[in-house]
C-alpha atoms as a PDB file:
ATOM      1  CA  MET A   1    -143.170  29.458  53.724  1.00  0.00           C
ATOM      2  CA  LEU A   2    -144.770  32.878  53.346  1.00  0.00           C
ATOM      3  CA  LYS A   3    -142.271  35.747  53.308  1.00  0.00           C
ATOM      4  CA  ILE A   4    -143.116  39.431  53.807  1.00  0.00           C
ATOM      5  CA  ASP A   5    -140.556  42.156  53.030  1.00  0.00           C
ATOM      6  CA  PHE A   6    -141.079  45.828  53.864  1.00  0.00           C
ATOM      7  CA  TYR A   7    -138.544  48.036  52.064  1.00  0.00           C
ATOM      8  CA  GLU A   8    -137.460  51.596  52.850  1.00  0.00           C
ATOM      9  CA  SER A   9    -139.065  53.657  50.100  1.00  0.00           C
ATOM     10  CA  GLY A  10    -138.342  57.342  50.546  1.00  0.00           C
ATOM     11  CA  ASP A  11    -141.624  58.984  51.514  1.00  0.00           C
ATOM     12  CA  GLY A  12    -143.660  55.984  50.349  1.00  0.00           C
ATOM     13  CA  GLU A  13    -144.104  52.252  50.913  1.00  0.00           C
ATOM     14  CA  THR A  14    -143.002  49.006  49.266  1.00  0.00           C
ATOM     15  CA  ILE A  15    -144.274  45.600  50.417  1.00  0.00           C
ATOM     16  CA  ILE A  16    -143.302  42.373  48.641  1.00  0.00           C
ATOM     17  CA  LEU A  17    -144.936  39.044  49.442  1.00  0.00           C
ATOM     18  CA  THR A  18    -143.283  35.754  48.461  1.00  0.00           C
ATOM     19  CA  PHE A  19    -145.740  32.873  48.502  1.00  0.00           C
ATOM     20  CA  PRO A  20    -144.833  29.264  49.345  1.00  0.00           C
ATOM     21  CA  ASN A  21    -144.733  28.340  45.654  1.00  0.00           C
ATOM     22  CA  GLY A  22    -142.179  31.078  44.910  1.00  0.00           C
ATOM     23  CA  GLY A  23    -144.613  33.451  43.213  1.00  0.00           C
ATOM     24  CA  MET A  24    -144.887  37.014  44.469  1.00  0.00           C
ATOM     25  CA  GLY A  25    -147.437  39.688  45.244  1.00  0.00           C
ATOM     26  CA  ILE A  26    -146.662  43.413  45.329  1.00  0.00           C
ATOM     27  CA  VAL A  27    -148.633  45.635  47.699  1.00  0.00           C
ATOM     28  CA  ASP A  28    -147.718  49.222  46.795  1.00  0.00           C
ATOM     29  CA  ALA A  29    -144.225  50.259  45.699  1.00  0.00           C
ATOM     30  CA  HIS A  30    -142.299  53.525  45.768  1.00  0.00           C
ATOM     31  CA  PRO A  31    -138.615  54.150  44.933  1.00  0.00           C
ATOM     32  CA  SER A  32    -136.015  54.935  47.579  1.00  0.00           C
ATOM     33  CA  SER A  33    -133.470  57.762  47.680  1.00  0.00           C
ATOM     34  CA  PHE A  34    -131.005  55.438  49.375  1.00  0.00           C
ATOM     35  CA  PRO A  35    -128.727  52.981  47.555  1.00  0.00           C
ATOM     36  CA  GLY A  36    -129.507  50.169  49.989  1.00  0.00           C
ATOM     37  CA  ARG A  37    -132.630  48.912  48.249  1.00  0.00           C
ATOM     38  CA  PRO A  38    -132.186  47.081  44.928  1.00  0.00           C
ATOM     39  CA  ASN A  39    -134.077  48.299  41.884  1.00  0.00           C
ATOM     40  CA  ILE A  40    -137.677  47.103  42.033  1.00  0.00           C
ATOM     41  CA  LEU A  41    -137.311  45.081  38.824  1.00  0.00           C
ATOM     42  CA  GLU A  42    -134.297  43.255  40.280  1.00  0.00           C
ATOM     43  CA  LEU A  43    -136.313  42.264  43.348  1.00  0.00           C
ATOM     44  CA  ILE A  44    -138.931  40.497  41.218  1.00  0.00           C
ATOM     45  CA  ARG A  45    -136.827  39.287  38.290  1.00  0.00           C
ATOM     46  CA  GLY A  46    -137.759  35.792  37.112  1.00  0.00           C
ATOM     47  CA  ARG A  47    -140.799  35.524  39.413  1.00  0.00           C
ATOM     48  CA  THR A  48    -144.453  35.174  38.559  1.00  0.00           C
ATOM     49  CA  LEU A  49    -146.469  38.013  40.062  1.00  0.00           C
ATOM     50  CA  HIS A  50    -149.804  36.676  41.276  1.00  0.00           C
ATOM     51  CA  PHE A  51    -150.927  40.280  41.625  1.00  0.00           C
ATOM     52  CA  VAL A  52    -149.745  43.862  41.692  1.00  0.00           C
ATOM     53  CA  CYS A  53    -151.828  45.814  44.206  1.00  0.00           C
ATOM     54  CA  LEU A  54    -152.262  49.580  44.460  1.00  0.00           C
ATOM     55  CA  THR A  55    -154.024  50.023  47.797  1.00  0.00           C
ATOM     56  CA  HIS A  56    -155.257  53.515  46.881  1.00  0.00           C
ATOM     57  CA  PRO A  57    -154.453  56.016  44.116  1.00  0.00           C
ATOM     58  CA  HIS A  58    -151.673  58.020  45.762  1.00  0.00           C
ATOM     59  CA  ARG A  59    -148.265  58.297  44.150  1.00  0.00           C
ATOM     60  CA  ASP A  60    -146.309  57.549  47.335  1.00  0.00           C
ATOM     61  CA  HIS A  61    -147.858  54.079  47.251  1.00  0.00           C
ATOM     62  CA  GLY A  62    -147.545  53.369  43.553  1.00  0.00           C
ATOM     63  CA  ALA A  63    -144.773  55.209  41.704  1.00  0.00           C
ATOM     64  CA  ASP A  64    -142.643  52.043  41.447  1.00  0.00           C
ATOM     65  CA  LEU A  65    -145.613  50.003  40.222  1.00  0.00           C
ATOM     66  CA  VAL A  66    -145.376  51.738  36.846  1.00  0.00           C
ATOM     67  CA  PRO A  67    -142.048  50.135  35.778  1.00  0.00           C
ATOM     68  CA  ILE A  68    -143.311  46.785  37.064  1.00  0.00           C
ATOM     69  CA  LEU A  69    -146.480  46.974  34.989  1.00  0.00           C
ATOM     70  CA  GLU A  70    -144.598  48.243  31.931  1.00  0.00           C
ATOM     71  CA  ASN A  71    -141.726  45.738  32.005  1.00  0.00           C
ATOM     72  CA  HIS A  72    -142.424  42.584  34.003  1.00  0.00           C
ATOM     73  CA  PRO A  73    -143.560  39.740  31.717  1.00  0.00           C
ATOM     74  CA  GLU A  74    -145.633  37.627  34.137  1.00  0.00           C
ATOM     75  CA  ILE A  75    -148.357  39.584  35.927  1.00  0.00           C
ATOM     76  CA  GLN A  76    -151.574  37.690  36.527  1.00  0.00           C
ATOM     77  CA  ALA A  77    -153.730  40.538  37.876  1.00  0.00           C
ATOM     78  CA  PHE A  78    -153.821  44.151  38.975  1.00  0.00           C
ATOM     79  CA  TRP A  79    -155.611  44.688  42.289  1.00  0.00           C
ATOM     80  CA  HIS A  80    -157.051  48.109  43.031  1.00  0.00           C
ATOM     81  CA  THR A  81    -159.967  49.919  44.677  1.00  0.00           C
ATOM     82  CA  VAL A  82    -160.872  52.469  41.995  1.00  0.00           C
ATOM     83  CA  SER A  83    -163.046  51.892  38.920  1.00  0.00           C
ATOM     84  CA  ASP A  84    -161.773  52.999  35.522  1.00  0.00           C
ATOM     85  CA  VAL A  85    -164.297  55.860  35.368  1.00  0.00           C
ATOM     86  CA  ALA A  86    -163.281  56.967  38.839  1.00  0.00           C
ATOM     87  CA  VAL A  87    -159.659  57.064  37.714  1.00  0.00           C
ATOM     88  CA  VAL A  88    -160.493  59.869  35.292  1.00  0.00           C
ATOM     89  CA  ALA A  89    -162.336  61.842  37.965  1.00  0.00           C
ATOM     90  CA  PHE A  90    -159.563  61.343  40.489  1.00  0.00           C
ATOM     91  CA  THR A  91    -156.939  62.378  37.976  1.00  0.00           C
ATOM     92  CA  GLN A  92    -158.823  65.570  37.225  1.00  0.00           C
ATOM     93  CA  GLN A  93    -159.006  66.270  40.949  1.00  0.00           C
ATOM     94  CA  GLU A  94    -155.251  65.896  41.288  1.00  0.00           C
ATOM     95  CA  ALA A  95    -154.525  68.077  38.261  1.00  0.00           C
ATOM     96  CA  MET A  96    -156.881  70.951  39.052  1.00  0.00           C
ATOM     97  CA  ASN A  97    -155.557  74.293  40.287  1.00  0.00           C
ATOM     98  CA  TYR A  98    -155.816  75.389  43.891  1.00  0.00           C
ATOM     99  CA  PRO A  99    -156.423  79.170  43.924  1.00  0.00           C
ATOM    100  CA  ASN A 100    -156.289  79.342  47.732  1.00  0.00           C
ATOM    101  CA  TYR A 101    -152.540  78.795  47.645  1.00  0.00           C
ATOM    102  CA  PRO A 102    -150.768  82.139  47.076  1.00  0.00           C
ATOM    103  CA  GLY A 103    -147.787  82.836  44.813  1.00  0.00           C
ATOM    104  CA  PRO A 104    -144.978  80.248  44.743  1.00  0.00           C
ATOM    105  CA  SER A 105    -146.863  77.942  47.135  1.00  0.00           C
ATOM    106  CA  ARG A 106    -149.735  77.649  44.690  1.00  0.00           C
ATOM    107  CA  GLU A 107    -147.357  76.844  41.825  1.00  0.00           C
ATOM    108  CA  ALA A 108    -145.649  74.132  43.899  1.00  0.00           C
ATOM    109  CA  VAL A 109    -148.982  72.526  44.788  1.00  0.00           C
ATOM    110  CA  VAL A 110    -150.136  72.572  41.162  1.00  0.00           C
ATOM    111  CA  ARG A 111    -146.870  70.896  40.065  1.00  0.00           C
ATOM    112  CA  LEU A 112    -147.299  68.257  42.763  1.00  0.00           C
ATOM    113  CA  LYS A 113    -150.892  67.525  41.802  1.00  0.00           C
ATOM    114  CA  LYS A 114    -150.025  67.337  38.103  1.00  0.00           C
ATOM    115  CA  GLY A 115    -147.265  64.865  38.952  1.00  0.00           C
ATOM    116  CA  TRP A 116    -149.736  62.671  40.812  1.00  0.00           C
ATOM    117  CA  ALA A 117    -152.173  62.878  37.903  1.00  0.00           C
ATOM    118  CA  GLU A 118    -149.463  61.831  35.453  1.00  0.00           C
ATOM    119  CA  PHE A 119    -148.650  58.871  37.710  1.00  0.00           C
ATOM    120  CA  VAL A 120    -152.260  57.671  37.590  1.00  0.00           C
ATOM    121  CA  TYR A 121    -152.394  57.999  33.801  1.00  0.00           C
ATOM    122  CA  ASP A 122    -149.075  56.126  33.400  1.00  0.00           C
ATOM    123  CA  LEU A 123    -150.177  53.365  35.751  1.00  0.00           C
ATOM    124  CA  TYR A 124    -153.544  52.634  34.207  1.00  0.00           C
ATOM    125  CA  GLY A 125    -152.160  53.180  30.720  1.00  0.00           C
ATOM    126  CA  ALA A 126    -149.622  50.388  31.271  1.00  0.00           C
ATOM    127  CA  ILE A 127    -152.380  48.062  32.495  1.00  0.00           C
ATOM    128  CA  ALA A 128    -154.516  48.749  29.438  1.00  0.00           C
ATOM    129  CA  GLU A 129    -151.637  48.352  27.006  1.00  0.00           C
ATOM    130  CA  LYS A 130    -150.566  44.974  28.381  1.00  0.00           C
ATOM    131  CA  LYS A 131    -154.189  43.845  28.911  1.00  0.00           C
ATOM    132  CA  ILE A 132    -153.581  42.859  32.505  1.00  0.00           C
ATOM    133  CA  ARG A 133    -156.666  41.525  34.281  1.00  0.00           C
ATOM    134  CA  TRP A 134    -158.267  44.034  36.660  1.00  0.00           C
ATOM    135  CA  HIS A 135    -159.550  42.958  40.070  1.00  0.00           C
ATOM    136  CA  GLN A 136    -161.353  45.645  42.041  1.00  0.00           C
ATOM    137  CA  LEU A 137    -161.125  45.147  45.808  1.00  0.00           C
ATOM    138  CA  ARG A 138    -164.155  45.469  48.097  1.00  0.00           C
ATOM    139  CA  SER A 139    -164.859  44.192  51.581  1.00  0.00           C
ATOM    140  CA  ASP A 140    -167.861  42.132  50.421  1.00  0.00           C
ATOM    141  CA  LEU A 141    -165.746  39.897  48.164  1.00  0.00           C
ATOM    142  CA  ARG A 142    -165.014  36.302  49.085  1.00  0.00           C
ATOM    143  CA  THR A 143    -161.626  35.406  50.475  1.00  0.00           C
ATOM    144  CA  GLU A 144    -158.971  34.833  47.795  1.00  0.00           C
ATOM    145  CA  THR A 145    -156.580  31.894  48.297  1.00  0.00           C
ATOM    146  CA  ILE A 146    -153.102  31.805  46.749  1.00  0.00           C
ATOM    147  CA  ASP A 147    -150.958  28.760  47.496  1.00  0.00           C
ATOM    148  CA  GLY A 148    -152.554  28.190  50.898  1.00  0.00           C
ATOM    149  CA  VAL A 149    -152.536  31.870  51.882  1.00  0.00           C
ATOM    150  CA  ASN A 150    -156.044  33.249  52.490  1.00  0.00           C
ATOM    151  CA  ILE A 151    -156.367  36.943  51.602  1.00  0.00           C
ATOM    152  CA  THR A 152    -159.377  38.791  52.999  1.00  0.00           C
ATOM    153  CA  VAL A 153    -160.267  42.345  51.953  1.00  0.00           C
ATOM    154  CA  LEU A 154    -161.473  44.303  55.003  1.00  0.00           C
ATOM    155  CA  SER A 155    -161.804  47.741  53.408  1.00  0.00           C
ATOM    156  CA  PRO A 156    -163.195  49.724  51.644  1.00  0.00           C
ATOM    157  CA  ASP A 157    -166.849  48.820  52.153  1.00  0.00           C
ATOM    158  CA  GLU A 158    -169.840  49.650  49.977  1.00  0.00           C
ATOM    159  CA  ALA A 159    -170.807  52.720  52.006  1.00  0.00           C
ATOM    160  CA  ILE A 160    -167.461  54.361  51.252  1.00  0.00           C
ATOM    161  CA  LYS A 161    -167.657  53.309  47.604  1.00  0.00           C
ATOM    162  CA  ASP A 162    -171.126  54.888  47.337  1.00  0.00           C
ATOM    163  CA  ARG A 163    -169.820  58.192  48.679  1.00  0.00           C
ATOM    164  CA  PHE A 164    -167.223  58.310  45.913  1.00  0.00           C
ATOM    165  CA  VAL A 165    -169.752  57.368  43.230  1.00  0.00           C
ATOM    166  CA  LYS A 166    -172.017  60.238  44.326  1.00  0.00           C
ATOM    167  CA  ALA A 167    -169.042  62.605  44.331  1.00  0.00           C
ATOM    168  CA  TYR A 168    -168.081  61.518  40.794  1.00  0.00           C
ATOM    169  CA  ARG A 169    -171.619  62.243  39.607  1.00  0.00           C
ATOM    170  CA  LYS A 170    -171.357  65.751  41.062  1.00  0.00           C
ATOM    171  CA  ARG A 171    -168.012  66.116  39.302  1.00  0.00           C
ATOM    172  CA  LEU A 172    -169.764  65.524  35.968  1.00  0.00           C
ATOM    173  CA  GLU A 173    -172.081  68.425  36.764  1.00  0.00           C
ATOM    174  CA  LYS A 174    -169.456  70.680  38.294  1.00  0.00           C
ATOM    175  CA  PHE A 175    -165.768  70.135  37.490  1.00  0.00           C
ATOM    176  CA  ASN A 176    -164.394  71.420  40.806  1.00  0.00           C
ATOM    177  CA  ALA A 177    -166.823  69.498  43.021  1.00  0.00           C
ATOM    178  CA  GLU A 178    -164.894  68.183  46.010  1.00  0.00           C
ATOM    179  CA  LEU A 179    -164.055  64.487  46.278  1.00  0.00           C
ATOM    180  CA  PRO A 180    -163.719  62.598  49.590  1.00  0.00           C
ATOM    181  CA  ASP A 181    -160.256  61.867  50.965  1.00  0.00           C
ATOM    182  CA  ALA A 182    -158.710  59.229  48.666  1.00  0.00           C
ATOM    183  CA  ASN A 183    -157.175  57.516  51.703  1.00  0.00           C
ATOM    184  CA  LEU A 184    -160.692  56.214  52.400  1.00  0.00           C
ATOM    185  CA  LEU A 185    -160.258  53.989  49.338  1.00  0.00           C
ATOM    186  CA  SER A 186    -157.399  52.138  51.053  1.00  0.00           C
ATOM    187  CA  ALA A 187    -157.447  48.380  50.664  1.00  0.00           C
ATOM    188  CA  VAL A 188    -156.940  46.786  54.079  1.00  0.00           C
ATOM    189  CA  LEU A 189    -155.749  43.206  53.557  1.00  0.00           C
ATOM    190  CA  ALA A 190    -155.569  40.327  56.046  1.00  0.00           C
ATOM    191  CA  LEU A 191    -153.282  37.477  54.966  1.00  0.00           C
ATOM    192  CA  GLU A 192    -153.738  34.246  56.926  1.00  0.00           C
ATOM    193  CA  TYR A 193    -151.265  31.381  56.575  1.00  0.00           C
ATOM    194  CA  SER A 194    -151.457  28.357  58.869  1.00  0.00           C
ATOM    195  CA  GLY A 195    -153.387  30.345  61.479  1.00  0.00           C
ATOM    196  CA  THR A 196    -151.003  33.332  61.519  1.00  0.00           C
ATOM    197  CA  VAL A 197    -152.333  36.658  60.232  1.00  0.00           C
ATOM    198  CA  VAL A 198    -150.479  39.548  58.604  1.00  0.00           C
ATOM    199  CA  LEU A 199    -152.541  42.751  58.493  1.00  0.00           C
ATOM    200  CA  LEU A 200    -151.671  45.404  55.908  1.00  0.00           C
ATOM    201  CA  GLY A 201    -153.342  48.703  56.788  1.00  0.00           C
ATOM    202  CA  ALA A 202    -152.435  50.892  53.767  1.00  0.00           C
ATOM    203  CA  ASP A 203    -153.481  54.507  54.558  1.00  0.00           C
ATOM    204  CA  ALA A 204    -156.836  53.518  56.020  1.00  0.00           C
ATOM    205  CA  LEU A 205    -158.497  56.138  58.232  1.00  0.00           C
ATOM    206  CA  LYS A 206    -160.701  55.844  61.312  1.00  0.00           C
ATOM    207  CA  GLU A 207    -163.815  55.414  59.198  1.00  0.00           C
ATOM    208  CA  ASN A 208    -162.244  52.469  57.392  1.00  0.00           C
ATOM    209  CA  TRP A 209    -161.317  50.749  60.627  1.00  0.00           C
ATOM    210  CA  ARG A 210    -164.849  50.952  62.072  1.00  0.00           C
ATOM    211  CA  SER A 211    -166.070  48.550  59.398  1.00  0.00           C
ATOM    212  CA  ALA A 212    -162.770  46.675  58.979  1.00  0.00           C
ATOM    213  CA  THR A 213    -162.558  45.645  62.648  1.00  0.00           C
ATOM    214  CA  ARG A 214    -166.220  44.628  62.659  1.00  0.00           C
ATOM    215  CA  LEU A 215    -165.641  42.422  59.607  1.00  0.00           C
ATOM    216  CA  TYR A 216    -162.467  41.038  61.163  1.00  0.00           C
ATOM    217  CA  PHE A 217    -164.435  39.745  64.158  1.00  0.00           C
ATOM    218  CA  GLU A 218    -167.281  38.481  61.960  1.00  0.00           C
ATOM    219  CA  ARG A 219    -164.836  36.411  59.899  1.00  0.00           C
ATOM    220  CA  GLU A 220    -163.391  35.049  63.175  1.00  0.00           C
ATOM    221  CA  LEU A 221    -159.844  35.724  62.054  1.00  0.00           C
ATOM    222  CA  PRO A 222    -157.042  35.106  64.566  1.00  0.00           C
ATOM    223  CA  LYS A 223    -155.487  38.204  66.109  1.00  0.00           C
ATOM    224  CA  ALA A 224    -152.883  39.661  63.751  1.00  0.00           C
ATOM    225  CA  MET A 225    -149.257  38.840  64.532  1.00  0.00           C
ATOM    226  CA  VAL A 226    -147.747  41.256  61.963  1.00  0.00           C
ATOM    227  CA  PHE A 227    -149.312  44.653  61.389  1.00  0.00           C
ATOM    228  CA  LYS A 228    -148.407  47.398  58.902  1.00  0.00           C
ATOM    229  CA  VAL A 229    -149.357  50.616  60.706  1.00  0.00           C
ATOM    230  CA  PRO A 230    -151.773  52.688  58.578  1.00  0.00           C
ATOM    231  CA  HIS A 231    -151.098  56.148  57.169  1.00  0.00           C
ATOM    232  CA  HIS A 232    -147.443  56.336  58.254  1.00  0.00           C
ATOM    233  CA  GLY A 233    -148.404  56.573  61.918  1.00  0.00           C
ATOM    234  CA  ALA A 234    -150.868  59.441  61.582  1.00  0.00           C
ATOM    235  CA  SER A 235    -153.311  60.006  64.429  1.00  0.00           C
ATOM    236  CA  ASN A 236    -156.299  60.217  62.037  1.00  0.00           C
ATOM    237  CA  ALA A 237    -156.219  56.440  61.560  1.00  0.00           C
ATOM    238  CA  LEU A 238    -156.704  55.378  65.190  1.00  0.00           C
ATOM    239  CA  GLN A 239    -160.296  55.275  66.421  1.00  0.00           C
ATOM    240  CA  VAL A 240    -160.659  55.819  70.153  1.00  0.00           C
ATOM    241  CA  ASN A 241    -164.197  56.340  71.412  1.00  0.00           C
ATOM    242  CA  PRO A 242    -164.915  54.331  74.587  1.00  0.00           C
ATOM    243  CA  ALA A 243    -168.382  55.875  74.926  1.00  0.00           C
ATOM    244  CA  ARG A 244    -169.446  54.300  71.622  1.00  0.00           C
ATOM    245  CA  HIS A 245    -167.525  51.067  72.281  1.00  0.00           C
ATOM    246  CA  GLU A 246    -165.853  51.267  68.892  1.00  0.00           C
ATOM    247  CA  HIS A 247    -162.883  49.078  68.108  1.00  0.00           C
ATOM    248  CA  ASN A 248    -159.638  50.356  66.617  1.00  0.00           C
ATOM    249  CA  TYR A 249    -156.887  48.546  64.738  1.00  0.00           C
ATOM    250  CA  LEU A 250    -154.968  47.708  67.913  1.00  0.00           C
ATOM    251  CA  ASP A 251    -157.936  45.611  69.071  1.00  0.00           C
ATOM    252  CA  ILE A 252    -157.411  43.107  66.253  1.00  0.00           C
ATOM    253  CA  CYS A 253    -153.676  42.751  66.916  1.00  0.00           C
ATOM    254  CA  SER A 254    -152.256  40.156  69.270  1.00  0.00           C
ATOM    255  CA  CYS A 255    -151.400  41.220  72.837  1.00  0.00           C
ATOM    256  CA  GLN A 256    -149.828  37.995  74.087  1.00  0.00           C
ATOM    257  CA  PRO A 257    -147.468  37.604  72.418  1.00  0.00           C
ATOM    258  CA  PRO A 258    -147.386  41.221  71.247  1.00  0.00           C
ATOM    259  CA  ALA A 259    -147.860  41.779  67.526  1.00  0.00           C
ATOM    260  CA  LYS A 260    -144.940  42.909  65.390  1.00  0.00           C
ATOM    261  CA  SER A 261    -145.889  46.327  64.006  1.00  0.00           C
ATOM    262  CA  VAL A 262    -144.104  47.868  61.019  1.00  0.00           C
ATOM    263  CA  LEU A 263    -144.171  51.646  60.709  1.00  0.00           C
ATOM    264  CA  PHE A 264    -143.284  53.530  57.525  1.00  0.00           C
ATOM    265  CA  ALA A 265    -142.579  56.962  58.967  1.00  0.00           C
ATOM    266  CA  GLY A 266    -140.440  60.039  58.695  1.00  0.00           C
ATOM    267  CA  ASP A 267    -142.195  62.742  56.701  1.00  0.00           C
ATOM    268  CA  ALA A 268    -143.254  66.204  57.820  1.00  0.00           C
ATOM    269  CA  LYS A 269    -146.163  65.026  59.970  1.00  0.00           C
ATOM    270  CA  HIS A 270    -145.620  61.369  60.809  1.00  0.00           C
ATOM    271  CA  PRO A 271    -145.440  59.482  63.020  1.00  0.00           C
ATOM    272  CA  ASP A 272    -147.562  61.188  65.606  1.00  0.00           C
ATOM    273  CA  PRO A 273    -145.503  61.059  68.850  1.00  0.00           C
ATOM    274  CA  ASP A 274    -148.479  60.076  71.031  1.00  0.00           C
ATOM    275  CA  LEU A 275    -149.495  57.346  68.620  1.00  0.00           C
ATOM    276  CA  PHE A 276    -145.902  56.102  68.483  1.00  0.00           C
ATOM    277  CA  ARG A 277    -145.889  55.762  72.276  1.00  0.00           C
ATOM    278  CA  ARG A 278    -149.139  53.786  72.124  1.00  0.00           C
ATOM    279  CA  LEU A 279    -147.684  51.481  69.500  1.00  0.00           C
ATOM    280  CA  ARG A 280    -144.606  50.859  71.639  1.00  0.00           C
ATOM    281  CA  ALA A 281    -146.774  50.089  74.677  1.00  0.00           C
ATOM    282  CA  ARG A 282    -148.906  47.591  72.772  1.00  0.00           C
ATOM    283  CA  THR A 283    -146.674  46.100  70.019  1.00  0.00           C
ATOM    284  CA  ASP A 284    -143.060  45.378  69.136  1.00  0.00           C
ATOM    285  CA  VAL A 285    -142.421  48.283  66.748  1.00  0.00           C
ATOM    286  CA  THR A 286    -139.986  48.039  63.863  1.00  0.00           C
ATOM    287  CA  CYS A 287    -139.724  51.406  62.165  1.00  0.00           C
ATOM    288  CA  ILE A 288    -138.714  52.300  58.628  1.00  0.00           C
ATOM    289  CA  SER A 289    -137.940  56.013  58.667  1.00  0.00           C
ATOM    290  CA  ASN A 290    -136.630  58.027  55.754  1.00  0.00           C
ATOM    291  CA  GLY A 291    -135.706  60.925  58.020  1.00  0.00           C
ATOM    292  CA  LEU A 292    -137.401  63.600  55.904  1.00  0.00           C
ATOM    293  CA  ARG A 293    -138.588  65.385  59.014  1.00  0.00           C
ATOM    294  CA  ASP A 294    -135.061  66.482  59.915  1.00  0.00           C
ATOM    295  CA  GLY A 295    -133.386  65.982  56.538  1.00  0.00           C
ATOM    296  CA  SER A 296    -132.826  69.672  55.761  1.00  0.00           C
ATOM    297  CA  ARG A 297    -131.344  70.367  59.179  1.00  0.00           C
ATOM    298  CA  ARG A 298    -128.901  67.455  59.270  1.00  0.00           C
ATOM    299  CA  ALA A 299    -127.809  67.650  55.653  1.00  0.00           C
ATOM    300  CA  ASN A 300    -127.522  71.441  55.630  1.00  0.00           C
ATOM    301  CA  PRO A 301    -126.669  72.627  59.176  1.00  0.00           C
ATOM    302  CA  LEU A 302    -125.681  76.140  58.011  1.00  0.00           C
ATOM    303  CA  ASN A 303    -128.937  76.520  56.042  1.00  0.00           C
ATOM    304  CA  ILE A 304    -127.067  77.560  52.868  1.00  0.00           C
ATOM    305  CA  HIS A 305    -129.219  77.494  49.741  1.00  0.00           C
ATOM    306  CA  ILE A 306    -127.574  77.249  46.317  1.00  0.00           C
ATOM    307  CA  PRO A 307    -129.826  76.829  43.251  1.00  0.00           C
ATOM    308  CA  GLY A 308    -129.560  73.310  41.871  1.00  0.00           C
ATOM    309  CA  ALA A 309    -127.373  72.039  44.746  1.00  0.00           C
ATOM    310  CA  ARG A 310    -128.108  68.811  46.605  1.00  0.00           C
ATOM    311  CA  ALA A 311    -127.038  67.590  50.019  1.00  0.00           C
ATOM    312  CA  VAL A 312    -123.914  65.428  50.021  1.00  0.00           C
ATOM    313  CA  SER A 313    -125.247  63.053  52.667  1.00  0.00           C
ATOM    314  CA  LEU A 314    -128.710  61.646  53.278  1.00  0.00           C
ATOM    315  CA  PRO A 315    -130.358  61.444  56.696  1.00  0.00           C
ATOM    316  CA  PRO A 316    -130.316  58.074  58.513  1.00  0.00           C
ATOM    317  CA  VAL A 317    -133.067  55.478  58.511  1.00  0.00           C
ATOM    318  CA  CYS A 318    -134.200  53.240  61.338  1.00  0.00           C
ATOM    319  CA  ASN A 319    -134.253  50.105  59.146  1.00  0.00           C
ATOM    320  CA  MET A 320    -133.637  49.676  55.407  1.00  0.00           C
ATOM    321  CA  VAL A 321    -135.675  46.466  55.221  1.00  0.00           C
ATOM    322  CA  VAL A 322    -137.947  44.619  57.645  1.00  0.00           C
ATOM    323  CA  SER A 323    -138.729  40.976  56.867  1.00  0.00           C
ATOM    324  CA  PHE A 324    -140.828  38.186  58.361  1.00  0.00           C
ATOM    325  CA  SER A 325    -141.375  34.560  57.460  1.00  0.00           C
ATOM    326  CA  ILE A 326    -144.202  32.216  58.403  1.00  0.00           C
ATOM    327  CA  ASP A 327    -143.590  28.478  58.227  1.00  0.00           C
ATOM    328  CA  ALA A 328    -146.140  25.871  57.197  1.00  0.00           C
ATOM    329  CA  ASP A 329    -146.922  25.255  60.888  1.00  0.00           C
ATOM    330  CA  GLY A 330    -147.652  28.958  61.470  1.00  0.00           C
ATOM    331  CA  THR A 331    -144.374  29.807  63.213  1.00  0.00           C
ATOM    332  CA  LEU A 332    -143.495  33.483  62.775  1.00  0.00           C
ATOM    333  CA  CYS A 333    -139.897  34.654  62.546  1.00  0.00           C
ATOM    334  CA  GLN A 334    -138.519  38.167  62.050  1.00  0.00           C
ATOM    335  CA  THR A 335    -135.575  37.758  59.694  1.00  0.00           C
ATOM    336  CA  ALA A 336    -134.533  41.371  59.099  1.00  0.00           C
ATOM    337  CA  GLY A 337    -134.878  44.663  60.966  1.00  0.00           C
ATOM    338  CA  THR A 338    -134.583  45.512  64.636  1.00  0.00           C
ATOM    339  CA  CYS A 339    -137.321  46.662  66.981  1.00  0.00           C
ATOM    340  CA  THR A 340    -137.381  50.406  67.455  1.00  0.00           C
ATOM    341  CA  LYS A 341    -137.222  51.988  70.887  1.00  0.00           C
ATOM    342  CA  GLU A 342    -136.833  55.430  69.384  1.00  0.00           C
ATOM    343  CA  CYS A 343    -137.758  56.375  65.787  1.00  0.00           C
ATOM    344  CA  SER A 344    -135.419  58.856  64.117  1.00  0.00           C
ATOM    345  CA  ALA A 345    -138.398  60.863  62.841  1.00  0.00           C
ATOM    346  CA  VAL A 346    -139.869  61.144  66.329  1.00  0.00           C
ATOM    347  CA  ARG A 347    -136.465  62.010  67.788  1.00  0.00           C
ATOM    348  CA  ALA A 348    -136.003  64.746  65.208  1.00  0.00           C
ATOM    349  CA  ALA A 349    -139.304  66.332  66.196  1.00  0.00           C
ATOM    350  CA  ALA A 350    -138.255  66.653  69.814  1.00  0.00           C
END
C-alpha cells in the first residue's frame, strides 16, 4: 500500500509518503502553529527515508526539513532542483536589501529575506555535514522506482534551468542582477502505483505546466486521481489559452471519476476565489487552510495592539490532515479529511 499524508503546516506545506515496504519519502515540510500535528521527527521516527525532497528553495516548503536532515539517522538521498553553486546565488538574492521598500516596510522585508537565506544555509549545511547523497531533479531524468512506485519528474525542464544559469552568470558580474521567480524551479512529481497516479504540483507556475503537461502525455501516464494544487491555489499557476490550444494541470487530472484535489490555502492572497470555483467544478476539493487571511480579525476583533502580545485563540482550519491510500490493485481510498464545499480562507475574503 502507498500512503500519502498532507499535513496542515501554517503558511507552508508538508507531504509524507509511506511506501509499501514501510519506508518514507518527504516532499517539503513546514511547521504548524496548531497543536494538532505531531512534531515532524515523531512522524518519521524509526523509518528509513528513501528521500527528503525540497521542491524549490522557499522556506515555506522546507523549514521543517532542517531538523529532519540534522537529526534523522537514515536518509538515503536529498532531492532538490538547485545546484550547489546556485544555492549561493539564491541565498544572496534573498539576503540583499530592497531599497524600494520605505521605512518600516523595508526593514520587515529585509528581515524576511535574511530569514529565508539563513534557512537555505542551514538546510544545505546539514546535508554537507552528514554527507547525504544529492539528487538534482530535472524533467529529462529517467523514472525512479521505489518499492513498485514509479516517480516521474515533470518539471523543471532544461529551458528553465538554462534561464537560471544565465541569471547566475550575470549575478557574478553584477551582484544585484535580478533572478527569475524561484517558483519556476518547482519539482512537479507524478507518482504511479498500480496504475493510479498522484500528482504533486509544488509551486509550479503556468510556464512549468506547459512543458509538464506535454511530458505527461508523452509518457502516457494515466490521468491523475490525486492532485496537490500548485502554489496554494494562486491564479498564476493555471494556464488557460484556448487560442494556442495549451493544456493546463486540470487536463491531466481525471474527470470520471473526478480527481481528489488537495489545496494548501489560507494566506493573504490564496486561494484565488475564481480558481477555487473551477477546482470545485472539476475535482473533489479537500482544503487545508491555516486561516491567515482572516486571522487578525477573528483573533483580535477589537483591533487592540499590545507590544509582545499574542492572540489567545488561533483561527480555524478546514482540515488538519488529508490522507489517501492506494492498494496493490490500484484502489484509491481517502482515509482522512473531508471534501470542502467552502474554504475558510475564501469565506474570509468575502
